[in-house]
């Protein structure tokens, strides 16, 4: 099991990271909450990881904190929630907000996340009630500073990231346009678009 990676950040393109560790490049998929904590490409990074093994691929998922990884591991135990959906949940909602929705049994709020229908949201509310205690710091928000503007348009990068997280292109365009201004970088656009989508 690969539990942690430390090396040079080569690519930072939501939800994909490429990290060079001793000359070996590791592709890692990470939620937006982790992206907000990362340095710029070329700098050293250290992240916690979870390895998923399938018949056709070994996929590494990366997290900025142990609480994020614990929540991810709890989510993938829920019936019908795989690693990709767990990543989408972590990208679209903070751990404290997720806890609030589960504790208040607000399944409707969870259906605002892409790919989560009513039945899945209801399962999450029921099955995560007892599992929230597995995550130590659920009451602490995962924050971070927005990164710098990339070589491509920040709005374009933000839309691409939202599409990669499961939103339709038309919806992603609308979400970004609703919050965009000229001074915002791509990560700030993504963060504000996700907040607006969930009405936070």
N, C-alpha and C. Protein backbone atom coordinates (compact mmCIF):
# COMPACT_ATOMS: atom_id res chain seq x y z
N UNK A 1 0.84 -1.20 0.00
CA UNK A 1 0.00 0.00 0.00
C UNK A 1 0.87 1.25 0.00
N UNK A 2 0.62 2.14 -0.93
CA UNK A 2 1.31 3.43 -0.96
C UNK A 2 0.50 4.40 -0.12
N UNK A 3 1.05 4.85 1.00
CA UNK A 3 0.30 5.67 1.95
C UNK A 3 0.67 7.14 1.89
N UNK A 4 1.83 7.46 1.31
CA UNK A 4 2.27 8.86 1.30
C UNK A 4 3.27 9.06 0.18
N UNK A 5 3.22 10.25 -0.45
CA UNK A 5 4.18 10.61 -1.48
C UNK A 5 4.79 11.96 -1.17
N UNK A 6 6.10 12.07 -1.35
CA UNK A 6 6.79 13.35 -1.20
C UNK A 6 7.72 13.52 -2.40
N UNK A 7 7.58 14.64 -3.09
CA UNK A 7 8.42 14.87 -4.25
C UNK A 7 8.09 16.19 -4.91
N UNK A 8 8.52 16.34 -6.16
CA UNK A 8 8.29 17.59 -6.89
C UNK A 8 6.95 17.52 -7.62
N UNK A 9 6.14 18.56 -7.44
CA UNK A 9 4.86 18.66 -8.14
C UNK A 9 5.12 19.08 -9.59
N UNK A 10 4.77 18.22 -10.54
CA UNK A 10 5.03 18.48 -11.95
C UNK A 10 3.81 19.06 -12.65
N UNK A 11 2.67 18.41 -12.44
CA UNK A 11 1.41 18.85 -13.06
C UNK A 11 0.35 19.01 -11.99
N UNK A 12 -0.41 20.07 -12.12
CA UNK A 12 -1.50 20.38 -11.19
C UNK A 12 -2.70 20.78 -12.02
N UNK A 13 -3.49 19.79 -12.43
CA UNK A 13 -4.62 20.03 -13.32
C UNK A 13 -5.82 19.24 -12.80
N UNK A 14 -6.72 19.89 -12.04
CA UNK A 14 -7.82 19.18 -11.38
C UNK A 14 -8.56 18.22 -12.30
N UNK A 15 -8.80 16.98 -11.85
CA UNK A 15 -8.45 16.45 -10.53
C UNK A 15 -7.10 15.71 -10.51
N UNK A 16 -6.25 15.94 -11.53
CA UNK A 16 -5.02 15.17 -11.67
C UNK A 16 -3.78 15.91 -11.17
N UNK A 17 -2.93 15.16 -10.48
CA UNK A 17 -1.61 15.63 -10.08
C UNK A 17 -0.58 14.67 -10.66
N UNK A 18 0.59 15.19 -10.99
CA UNK A 18 1.73 14.35 -11.34
C UNK A 18 2.86 14.75 -10.41
N UNK A 19 3.34 13.77 -9.63
CA UNK A 19 4.38 14.04 -8.65
C UNK A 19 5.60 13.19 -8.97
N UNK A 20 6.76 13.86 -9.09
CA UNK A 20 8.01 13.16 -9.35
C UNK A 20 8.65 12.79 -8.02
N UNK A 21 8.77 11.49 -7.78
CA UNK A 21 9.40 10.99 -6.56
C UNK A 21 10.63 10.18 -6.96
N UNK A 22 11.81 10.77 -6.80
CA UNK A 22 13.04 10.06 -7.14
C UNK A 22 13.12 9.64 -8.59
N UNK A 23 12.58 10.46 -9.49
CA UNK A 23 12.63 10.14 -10.91
C UNK A 23 11.46 9.32 -11.42
N UNK A 24 10.56 8.91 -10.53
CA UNK A 24 9.37 8.16 -10.93
C UNK A 24 8.16 9.08 -10.82
N UNK A 25 7.38 9.19 -11.90
CA UNK A 25 6.21 10.06 -11.89
C UNK A 25 4.96 9.31 -11.45
N UNK A 26 4.32 9.79 -10.40
CA UNK A 26 3.08 9.19 -9.90
C UNK A 26 1.89 10.07 -10.26
N UNK A 27 0.91 9.47 -10.94
CA UNK A 27 -0.34 10.18 -11.21
C UNK A 27 -1.25 10.00 -10.01
N UNK A 28 -1.80 11.09 -9.53
CA UNK A 28 -2.66 11.06 -8.34
C UNK A 28 -3.91 11.88 -8.62
N UNK A 29 -5.05 11.35 -8.25
CA UNK A 29 -6.29 12.11 -8.35
C UNK A 29 -6.63 12.67 -6.98
N UNK A 30 -7.00 13.95 -6.93
CA UNK A 30 -7.22 14.58 -5.63
C UNK A 30 -8.47 15.46 -5.66
N UNK A 31 -9.14 15.62 -4.52
CA UNK A 31 -10.30 16.51 -4.45
C UNK A 31 -9.86 17.97 -4.47
N UNK A 32 -10.78 18.86 -4.76
CA UNK A 32 -10.45 20.28 -4.83
C UNK A 32 -9.98 20.81 -3.49
N UNK A 33 -10.47 20.26 -2.40
CA UNK A 33 -10.03 20.71 -1.07
C UNK A 33 -8.53 20.52 -0.91
N UNK A 34 -7.99 19.48 -1.52
CA UNK A 34 -6.54 19.25 -1.49
C UNK A 34 -5.83 20.20 -2.45
N UNK A 35 -6.41 20.43 -3.64
CA UNK A 35 -5.80 21.34 -4.60
C UNK A 35 -5.59 22.73 -4.01
N UNK A 36 -6.53 23.18 -3.18
CA UNK A 36 -6.42 24.50 -2.60
C UNK A 36 -5.23 24.61 -1.65
N UNK A 37 -4.70 23.48 -1.20
CA UNK A 37 -3.58 23.47 -0.24
C UNK A 37 -2.23 23.29 -0.93
N UNK A 38 -2.23 23.00 -2.22
CA UNK A 38 -0.99 22.64 -2.90
C UNK A 38 -0.16 23.84 -3.33
N UNK A 39 1.16 23.66 -3.39
CA UNK A 39 2.03 24.71 -3.93
C UNK A 39 1.94 24.73 -5.44
N UNK A 40 2.67 25.63 -6.06
CA UNK A 40 2.68 25.71 -7.52
C UNK A 40 3.57 24.61 -8.10
N UNK A 41 3.33 24.20 -9.37
CA UNK A 41 4.20 23.21 -10.02
C UNK A 41 5.66 23.62 -9.94
N UNK A 42 6.51 22.63 -9.72
CA UNK A 42 7.94 22.87 -9.58
C UNK A 42 8.39 22.88 -8.12
N UNK A 43 7.43 23.03 -7.21
CA UNK A 43 7.76 23.04 -5.78
C UNK A 43 7.58 21.65 -5.18
N UNK A 44 8.13 21.46 -3.99
CA UNK A 44 8.03 20.17 -3.29
C UNK A 44 6.67 20.04 -2.62
N UNK A 45 6.12 18.84 -2.69
CA UNK A 45 4.81 18.59 -2.11
C UNK A 45 4.84 17.25 -1.37
N UNK A 46 4.03 17.14 -0.35
CA UNK A 46 3.89 15.89 0.39
C UNK A 46 2.40 15.66 0.64
N UNK A 47 1.88 14.53 0.17
CA UNK A 47 0.46 14.24 0.35
C UNK A 47 0.25 12.81 0.83
N UNK A 48 -0.85 12.62 1.53
CA UNK A 48 -1.28 11.29 1.94
C UNK A 48 -2.03 10.65 0.79
N UNK A 49 -1.96 9.34 0.66
CA UNK A 49 -2.60 8.69 -0.47
C UNK A 49 -3.41 7.46 -0.07
N UNK A 50 -4.31 7.10 -0.96
CA UNK A 50 -5.08 5.86 -0.84
C UNK A 50 -4.99 5.16 -2.18
N UNK A 51 -4.59 3.91 -2.19
CA UNK A 51 -4.44 3.15 -3.42
C UNK A 51 -5.65 2.26 -3.65
N UNK A 52 -6.28 2.42 -4.82
CA UNK A 52 -7.40 1.56 -5.22
C UNK A 52 -6.91 0.65 -6.33
N UNK A 53 -7.13 -0.63 -6.16
CA UNK A 53 -6.68 -1.61 -7.16
C UNK A 53 -7.89 -2.22 -7.86
N UNK A 54 -7.90 -2.06 -9.20
CA UNK A 54 -8.95 -2.67 -10.02
C UNK A 54 -8.29 -3.65 -10.98
N UNK A 55 -9.11 -4.40 -11.72
CA UNK A 55 -8.57 -5.36 -12.68
C UNK A 55 -7.77 -4.67 -13.77
N UNK A 56 -8.21 -3.43 -14.13
CA UNK A 56 -7.57 -2.75 -15.26
C UNK A 56 -6.68 -1.58 -14.86
N UNK A 57 -6.59 -1.28 -13.56
CA UNK A 57 -5.79 -0.11 -13.18
C UNK A 57 -5.52 -0.07 -11.68
N UNK A 58 -4.39 0.56 -11.32
CA UNK A 58 -4.10 0.91 -9.93
C UNK A 58 -4.20 2.43 -9.86
N UNK A 59 -5.10 2.94 -9.03
CA UNK A 59 -5.34 4.39 -8.99
C UNK A 59 -5.00 4.94 -7.62
N UNK A 60 -4.17 5.99 -7.61
CA UNK A 60 -3.82 6.66 -6.37
C UNK A 60 -4.69 7.91 -6.19
N UNK A 61 -5.24 8.06 -4.99
CA UNK A 61 -5.99 9.25 -4.63
C UNK A 61 -5.20 9.98 -3.54
N UNK A 62 -5.10 11.31 -3.67
CA UNK A 62 -4.26 12.07 -2.74
C UNK A 62 -5.06 13.04 -1.89
N UNK A 63 -4.55 13.27 -0.66
CA UNK A 63 -5.27 14.11 0.30
C UNK A 63 -4.30 14.97 1.10
N UNK A 64 -4.73 16.20 1.39
CA UNK A 64 -3.89 17.12 2.14
C UNK A 64 -3.84 16.78 3.62
N UNK A 65 -4.92 16.18 4.14
CA UNK A 65 -4.98 15.88 5.57
C UNK A 65 -5.45 14.45 5.81
N UNK A 66 -5.17 13.96 7.00
CA UNK A 66 -5.61 12.62 7.38
C UNK A 66 -7.14 12.58 7.49
N UNK A 67 -7.75 13.67 7.95
CA UNK A 67 -9.21 13.71 8.06
C UNK A 67 -9.88 13.54 6.70
N UNK A 68 -9.31 14.17 5.66
CA UNK A 68 -9.83 14.00 4.31
C UNK A 68 -9.76 12.55 3.88
N UNK A 69 -8.61 11.93 4.13
CA UNK A 69 -8.45 10.54 3.73
C UNK A 69 -9.39 9.61 4.50
N UNK A 70 -9.57 9.89 5.78
CA UNK A 70 -10.49 9.08 6.58
C UNK A 70 -11.92 9.21 6.08
N UNK A 71 -12.32 10.44 5.73
CA UNK A 71 -13.67 10.64 5.20
C UNK A 71 -13.83 9.91 3.87
N UNK A 72 -12.82 10.00 3.01
CA UNK A 72 -12.84 9.29 1.73
C UNK A 72 -13.02 7.79 1.96
N UNK A 73 -12.26 7.25 2.88
CA UNK A 73 -12.34 5.81 3.15
C UNK A 73 -13.68 5.41 3.76
N UNK A 74 -14.28 6.30 4.51
CA UNK A 74 -15.61 6.03 5.05
C UNK A 74 -16.66 6.08 3.95
N UNK A 75 -16.52 7.05 3.05
CA UNK A 75 -17.49 7.21 1.97
C UNK A 75 -17.51 6.00 1.03
N UNK A 76 -16.34 5.46 0.71
CA UNK A 76 -16.32 4.35 -0.25
C UNK A 76 -16.86 3.05 0.34
N UNK A 77 -17.13 3.05 1.64
CA UNK A 77 -17.78 1.89 2.27
C UNK A 77 -19.30 1.93 2.11
N UNK A 78 -19.81 3.10 1.71
CA UNK A 78 -21.25 3.24 1.52
C UNK A 78 -21.66 2.56 0.22
N UNK A 79 -22.74 1.80 0.27
CA UNK A 79 -23.24 1.09 -0.91
C UNK A 79 -23.52 2.06 -2.05
N UNK A 80 -22.93 1.78 -3.21
CA UNK A 80 -23.16 2.62 -4.39
C UNK A 80 -22.23 3.81 -4.52
N UNK A 81 -21.34 4.00 -3.56
CA UNK A 81 -20.40 5.12 -3.61
C UNK A 81 -18.99 4.57 -3.86
N UNK A 82 -18.48 4.80 -5.05
CA UNK A 82 -17.13 4.36 -5.36
C UNK A 82 -16.13 5.49 -5.15
N UNK A 83 -14.86 5.24 -5.44
CA UNK A 83 -13.82 6.27 -5.25
C UNK A 83 -14.08 7.55 -6.03
N UNK A 84 -14.56 7.45 -7.27
CA UNK A 84 -14.79 8.65 -8.08
C UNK A 84 -15.88 9.52 -7.45
N UNK A 85 -16.95 8.89 -6.98
CA UNK A 85 -18.03 9.65 -6.36
C UNK A 85 -17.57 10.26 -5.04
N UNK A 86 -16.78 9.50 -4.29
CA UNK A 86 -16.25 10.02 -3.02
C UNK A 86 -15.39 11.26 -3.28
N UNK A 87 -14.61 11.21 -4.36
CA UNK A 87 -13.77 12.35 -4.73
C UNK A 87 -14.63 13.56 -5.09
N UNK A 88 -15.72 13.31 -5.80
CA UNK A 88 -16.65 14.38 -6.17
C UNK A 88 -17.27 15.01 -4.93
N UNK A 89 -17.64 14.18 -3.96
CA UNK A 89 -18.23 14.69 -2.72
C UNK A 89 -17.24 15.57 -1.98
N UNK A 90 -16.00 15.10 -1.85
CA UNK A 90 -14.97 15.88 -1.16
C UNK A 90 -14.63 17.17 -1.90
N UNK A 91 -14.79 17.16 -3.23
CA UNK A 91 -14.50 18.35 -4.02
C UNK A 91 -15.60 19.38 -3.91
N UNK A 92 -16.83 18.91 -3.75
CA UNK A 92 -17.96 19.82 -3.79
C UNK A 92 -18.46 20.31 -2.46
N UNK A 93 -17.97 19.72 -1.37
CA UNK A 93 -18.50 20.09 -0.06
C UNK A 93 -17.42 19.90 1.00
N UNK A 94 -17.36 20.80 1.95
CA UNK A 94 -16.36 20.67 3.02
C UNK A 94 -16.80 19.60 4.01
N UNK A 95 -15.84 19.07 4.75
CA UNK A 95 -16.15 18.05 5.75
C UNK A 95 -17.16 18.54 6.78
N UNK A 96 -17.03 19.78 7.30
CA UNK A 96 -18.02 20.26 8.27
C UNK A 96 -19.43 20.36 7.69
N UNK A 97 -19.53 20.84 6.42
CA UNK A 97 -20.85 20.94 5.80
C UNK A 97 -21.44 19.56 5.56
N UNK A 98 -20.60 18.62 5.12
CA UNK A 98 -21.07 17.25 4.92
C UNK A 98 -21.61 16.69 6.23
N UNK A 99 -20.86 16.90 7.30
CA UNK A 99 -21.28 16.43 8.62
C UNK A 99 -22.63 17.03 9.01
N UNK A 100 -22.78 18.33 8.76
CA UNK A 100 -24.02 19.02 9.09
C UNK A 100 -25.21 18.42 8.33
N UNK A 101 -25.02 18.19 7.03
CA UNK A 101 -26.10 17.63 6.22
C UNK A 101 -26.47 16.22 6.68
N UNK A 102 -25.47 15.43 7.00
CA UNK A 102 -25.74 14.06 7.46
C UNK A 102 -26.45 14.07 8.81
N UNK A 103 -25.94 14.87 9.74
CA UNK A 103 -26.53 14.91 11.07
C UNK A 103 -27.95 15.47 11.05
N UNK A 104 -28.22 16.41 10.14
CA UNK A 104 -29.57 16.98 10.04
C UNK A 104 -30.44 16.19 9.06
N UNK A 105 -29.88 15.12 8.50
CA UNK A 105 -30.58 14.24 7.55
C UNK A 105 -31.10 15.02 6.34
N UNK A 106 -30.28 15.94 5.85
CA UNK A 106 -30.65 16.77 4.71
C UNK A 106 -30.13 16.14 3.42
N UNK A 107 -30.83 15.12 2.93
CA UNK A 107 -30.42 14.43 1.71
C UNK A 107 -30.56 15.32 0.49
N UNK A 108 -31.50 16.25 0.53
CA UNK A 108 -31.73 17.14 -0.62
C UNK A 108 -30.49 17.97 -0.93
N UNK A 109 -29.81 18.45 0.10
CA UNK A 109 -28.60 19.25 -0.12
C UNK A 109 -27.53 18.44 -0.84
N UNK A 110 -27.43 17.16 -0.54
CA UNK A 110 -26.42 16.31 -1.16
C UNK A 110 -26.72 16.03 -2.62
N UNK A 111 -27.99 16.10 -3.01
CA UNK A 111 -28.33 15.84 -4.42
C UNK A 111 -27.88 16.98 -5.33
N UNK A 112 -27.42 18.09 -4.76
CA UNK A 112 -26.90 19.20 -5.59
C UNK A 112 -25.52 18.87 -6.13
N UNK A 113 -24.88 17.84 -5.60
CA UNK A 113 -23.57 17.42 -6.09
C UNK A 113 -23.77 16.58 -7.34
N UNK A 114 -22.88 16.69 -8.35
CA UNK A 114 -23.05 15.94 -9.60
C UNK A 114 -22.98 14.44 -9.37
N UNK A 115 -23.90 13.71 -10.02
CA UNK A 115 -23.88 12.25 -9.95
C UNK A 115 -24.53 11.65 -8.72
N UNK A 116 -25.05 12.49 -7.84
CA UNK A 116 -25.69 11.98 -6.63
C UNK A 116 -27.19 12.20 -6.72
N UNK A 117 -27.90 11.09 -6.90
CA UNK A 117 -29.35 11.15 -6.97
C UNK A 117 -29.97 11.03 -5.59
N UNK A 118 -31.28 11.04 -5.56
CA UNK A 118 -32.01 11.02 -4.29
C UNK A 118 -31.70 9.77 -3.47
N UNK A 119 -31.69 8.60 -4.13
CA UNK A 119 -31.46 7.35 -3.40
C UNK A 119 -30.05 7.29 -2.81
N UNK A 120 -29.07 7.72 -3.60
CA UNK A 120 -27.69 7.72 -3.10
C UNK A 120 -27.54 8.69 -1.94
N UNK A 121 -28.15 9.87 -2.07
CA UNK A 121 -28.09 10.87 -0.99
C UNK A 121 -28.71 10.32 0.29
N UNK A 122 -29.83 9.63 0.15
CA UNK A 122 -30.49 9.04 1.33
C UNK A 122 -29.63 7.95 1.97
N UNK A 123 -28.95 7.15 1.12
CA UNK A 123 -28.04 6.13 1.66
C UNK A 123 -26.89 6.77 2.41
N UNK A 124 -26.36 7.86 1.85
CA UNK A 124 -25.26 8.56 2.51
C UNK A 124 -25.69 9.06 3.89
N UNK A 125 -26.86 9.64 3.96
CA UNK A 125 -27.36 10.18 5.23
C UNK A 125 -27.52 9.06 6.26
N UNK A 126 -28.05 7.93 5.83
CA UNK A 126 -28.29 6.82 6.76
C UNK A 126 -26.98 6.13 7.17
N UNK A 127 -26.17 5.75 6.15
CA UNK A 127 -24.99 4.94 6.44
C UNK A 127 -23.84 5.74 7.05
N UNK A 128 -23.80 7.06 6.81
CA UNK A 128 -22.70 7.86 7.36
C UNK A 128 -22.97 8.35 8.78
N UNK A 129 -24.18 8.17 9.28
CA UNK A 129 -24.50 8.62 10.64
C UNK A 129 -23.50 8.06 11.65
N UNK A 130 -23.28 6.74 11.60
CA UNK A 130 -22.38 6.09 12.56
C UNK A 130 -20.92 6.23 12.18
N UNK A 131 -20.65 6.41 10.89
CA UNK A 131 -19.26 6.44 10.43
C UNK A 131 -18.59 7.78 10.64
N UNK A 132 -19.35 8.83 10.89
CA UNK A 132 -18.74 10.14 11.08
C UNK A 132 -17.76 10.15 12.25
N UNK A 133 -18.00 9.29 13.22
CA UNK A 133 -17.12 9.23 14.39
C UNK A 133 -15.75 8.68 14.02
N UNK A 134 -15.64 8.03 12.85
CA UNK A 134 -14.35 7.49 12.40
C UNK A 134 -13.40 8.61 11.98
N UNK A 135 -13.96 9.75 11.62
CA UNK A 135 -13.16 10.87 11.15
C UNK A 135 -12.94 11.84 12.29
N UNK A 136 -11.70 11.98 12.72
CA UNK A 136 -11.37 12.72 13.94
C UNK A 136 -11.75 14.19 13.88
N UNK A 137 -11.37 14.88 12.83
CA UNK A 137 -11.50 16.33 12.82
C UNK A 137 -12.58 16.85 11.90
N UNK A 138 -13.72 16.18 11.86
CA UNK A 138 -14.78 16.57 10.94
C UNK A 138 -15.27 17.99 11.17
N UNK A 139 -15.08 18.52 12.36
CA UNK A 139 -15.58 19.86 12.64
C UNK A 139 -14.64 20.95 12.13
N UNK A 140 -13.47 20.56 11.62
CA UNK A 140 -12.49 21.54 11.15
C UNK A 140 -12.54 21.65 9.64
N UNK A 141 -12.78 22.83 9.15
CA UNK A 141 -12.88 23.03 7.71
C UNK A 141 -11.53 22.85 7.06
N UNK A 142 -11.54 22.32 5.83
CA UNK A 142 -10.32 22.21 5.04
C UNK A 142 -10.28 23.41 4.13
N UNK A 143 -9.39 24.37 4.43
CA UNK A 143 -9.34 25.60 3.65
C UNK A 143 -8.08 25.69 2.85
N UNK A 144 -7.70 26.92 2.48
CA UNK A 144 -6.46 27.11 1.72
C UNK A 144 -6.52 28.37 0.91
N UNK A 145 -5.37 28.75 0.41
CA UNK A 145 -5.29 29.94 -0.40
C UNK A 145 -5.43 29.57 -1.86
N UNK A 146 -6.01 30.45 -2.63
CA UNK A 146 -6.15 30.19 -4.06
C UNK A 146 -4.78 30.28 -4.72
N UNK A 147 -4.59 29.47 -5.77
CA UNK A 147 -3.30 29.45 -6.43
C UNK A 147 -3.20 30.53 -7.48
N UNK A 148 -2.05 30.59 -8.12
CA UNK A 148 -1.83 31.60 -9.14
C UNK A 148 -2.54 31.26 -10.43
N UNK A 149 -2.60 32.24 -11.34
CA UNK A 149 -3.24 32.04 -12.63
C UNK A 149 -2.37 31.13 -13.49
N UNK A 150 -2.99 30.16 -14.14
CA UNK A 150 -2.26 29.22 -14.97
C UNK A 150 -2.02 29.85 -16.35
N UNK A 151 -1.31 29.14 -17.20
CA UNK A 151 -0.99 29.65 -18.52
C UNK A 151 -2.25 29.82 -19.36
N UNK A 152 -3.22 28.94 -19.17
CA UNK A 152 -4.47 29.08 -19.89
C UNK A 152 -5.39 29.98 -19.08
N UNK A 153 -6.54 30.31 -19.64
CA UNK A 153 -7.49 31.18 -18.96
C UNK A 153 -7.95 30.54 -17.65
N UNK A 154 -7.99 31.30 -16.55
CA UNK A 154 -8.48 30.75 -15.28
C UNK A 154 -9.91 30.23 -15.41
N UNK A 155 -10.76 30.96 -16.16
CA UNK A 155 -12.14 30.52 -16.34
C UNK A 155 -12.19 29.20 -17.10
N UNK A 156 -11.34 29.06 -18.12
CA UNK A 156 -11.28 27.81 -18.90
C UNK A 156 -10.83 26.66 -18.01
N UNK A 157 -9.81 26.89 -17.20
CA UNK A 157 -9.32 25.85 -16.29
C UNK A 157 -10.38 25.47 -15.27
N UNK A 158 -11.12 26.47 -14.78
CA UNK A 158 -12.16 26.20 -13.79
C UNK A 158 -13.28 25.36 -14.39
N UNK A 159 -13.69 25.70 -15.61
CA UNK A 159 -14.74 24.94 -16.29
C UNK A 159 -14.27 23.50 -16.53
N UNK A 160 -13.04 23.35 -16.98
CA UNK A 160 -12.49 22.01 -17.24
C UNK A 160 -12.46 21.17 -15.96
N UNK A 161 -12.09 21.80 -14.86
CA UNK A 161 -12.04 21.09 -13.58
C UNK A 161 -13.43 20.65 -13.14
N UNK A 162 -14.42 21.52 -13.31
CA UNK A 162 -15.78 21.16 -12.91
C UNK A 162 -16.33 20.02 -13.78
N UNK A 163 -15.98 20.05 -15.06
CA UNK A 163 -16.39 18.96 -15.95
C UNK A 163 -15.76 17.65 -15.49
N UNK A 164 -14.47 17.70 -15.13
CA UNK A 164 -13.77 16.51 -14.65
C UNK A 164 -14.39 15.98 -13.36
N UNK A 165 -15.02 16.87 -12.59
CA UNK A 165 -15.66 16.46 -11.34
C UNK A 165 -17.07 15.92 -11.55
N UNK A 166 -17.56 15.98 -12.80
CA UNK A 166 -18.85 15.38 -13.09
C UNK A 166 -19.95 16.32 -13.53
N UNK A 167 -19.68 17.62 -13.55
CA UNK A 167 -20.69 18.58 -14.01
C UNK A 167 -20.75 18.60 -15.53
N UNK A 168 -21.92 18.86 -16.09
CA UNK A 168 -22.06 19.01 -17.54
C UNK A 168 -21.43 20.34 -17.94
N UNK A 169 -20.95 20.40 -19.21
CA UNK A 169 -20.25 21.61 -19.66
C UNK A 169 -21.12 22.86 -19.51
N UNK A 170 -22.38 22.77 -19.91
CA UNK A 170 -23.26 23.93 -19.83
C UNK A 170 -23.41 24.40 -18.39
N UNK A 171 -23.55 23.45 -17.48
CA UNK A 171 -23.69 23.79 -16.06
C UNK A 171 -22.39 24.39 -15.52
N UNK A 172 -21.26 23.80 -15.92
CA UNK A 172 -19.95 24.29 -15.46
C UNK A 172 -19.72 25.72 -15.95
N UNK A 173 -20.05 25.98 -17.23
CA UNK A 173 -19.92 27.34 -17.78
C UNK A 173 -20.75 28.33 -16.97
N UNK A 174 -21.99 27.94 -16.69
CA UNK A 174 -22.91 28.81 -15.97
C UNK A 174 -22.41 29.08 -14.55
N UNK A 175 -21.89 28.03 -13.89
CA UNK A 175 -21.40 28.16 -12.52
C UNK A 175 -20.21 29.12 -12.44
N UNK A 176 -19.29 29.00 -13.40
CA UNK A 176 -18.10 29.85 -13.40
C UNK A 176 -18.46 31.30 -13.74
N UNK A 177 -19.30 31.49 -14.74
CA UNK A 177 -19.69 32.85 -15.14
C UNK A 177 -20.40 33.58 -14.00
N UNK A 178 -21.13 32.84 -13.18
CA UNK A 178 -21.90 33.45 -12.09
C UNK A 178 -21.01 34.06 -11.01
N UNK A 179 -19.78 33.58 -10.89
CA UNK A 179 -18.91 34.06 -9.80
C UNK A 179 -17.65 34.75 -10.30
N UNK A 180 -17.41 34.71 -11.61
CA UNK A 180 -16.12 35.16 -12.15
C UNK A 180 -15.92 36.67 -12.11
N UNK A 181 -14.68 37.06 -11.85
CA UNK A 181 -14.22 38.42 -12.12
C UNK A 181 -12.77 38.33 -12.57
N UNK A 182 -12.25 39.39 -13.13
CA UNK A 182 -10.93 39.36 -13.79
C UNK A 182 -9.77 39.05 -12.84
N UNK A 183 -9.94 39.30 -11.56
CA UNK A 183 -8.83 39.13 -10.62
C UNK A 183 -8.74 37.73 -10.03
N UNK A 184 -9.73 36.88 -10.30
CA UNK A 184 -9.77 35.55 -9.69
C UNK A 184 -8.95 34.54 -10.48
N UNK A 185 -8.18 33.71 -9.76
CA UNK A 185 -7.46 32.61 -10.36
C UNK A 185 -8.39 31.41 -10.52
N UNK A 186 -7.91 30.38 -11.20
CA UNK A 186 -8.75 29.23 -11.49
C UNK A 186 -9.23 28.51 -10.23
N UNK A 187 -8.34 28.36 -9.23
CA UNK A 187 -8.73 27.63 -8.03
C UNK A 187 -9.77 28.40 -7.22
N UNK A 188 -9.63 29.73 -7.19
CA UNK A 188 -10.63 30.54 -6.49
C UNK A 188 -11.97 30.48 -7.21
N UNK A 189 -11.94 30.48 -8.54
CA UNK A 189 -13.16 30.36 -9.32
C UNK A 189 -13.87 29.03 -9.02
N UNK A 190 -13.08 27.96 -8.98
CA UNK A 190 -13.66 26.64 -8.70
C UNK A 190 -14.29 26.62 -7.31
N UNK A 191 -13.55 27.12 -6.34
CA UNK A 191 -14.03 27.12 -4.96
C UNK A 191 -15.32 27.91 -4.82
N UNK A 192 -15.36 29.12 -5.42
CA UNK A 192 -16.56 29.96 -5.31
C UNK A 192 -17.73 29.38 -6.08
N UNK A 193 -17.44 28.76 -7.23
CA UNK A 193 -18.51 28.13 -8.02
C UNK A 193 -19.15 26.98 -7.26
N UNK A 194 -18.32 26.18 -6.60
CA UNK A 194 -18.84 25.06 -5.82
C UNK A 194 -19.64 25.55 -4.62
N UNK A 195 -19.16 26.60 -3.98
CA UNK A 195 -19.90 27.17 -2.84
C UNK A 195 -21.27 27.68 -3.29
N UNK A 196 -21.29 28.39 -4.41
CA UNK A 196 -22.55 28.95 -4.91
C UNK A 196 -23.52 27.85 -5.29
N UNK A 197 -22.98 26.77 -5.87
CA UNK A 197 -23.84 25.67 -6.30
C UNK A 197 -24.58 25.04 -5.14
N UNK A 198 -23.92 24.99 -3.98
CA UNK A 198 -24.54 24.38 -2.80
C UNK A 198 -25.21 25.42 -1.91
N UNK A 199 -25.24 26.66 -2.39
CA UNK A 199 -25.92 27.70 -1.64
C UNK A 199 -25.25 28.07 -0.34
N UNK A 200 -23.89 27.96 -0.30
CA UNK A 200 -23.15 28.26 0.94
C UNK A 200 -22.54 29.66 0.85
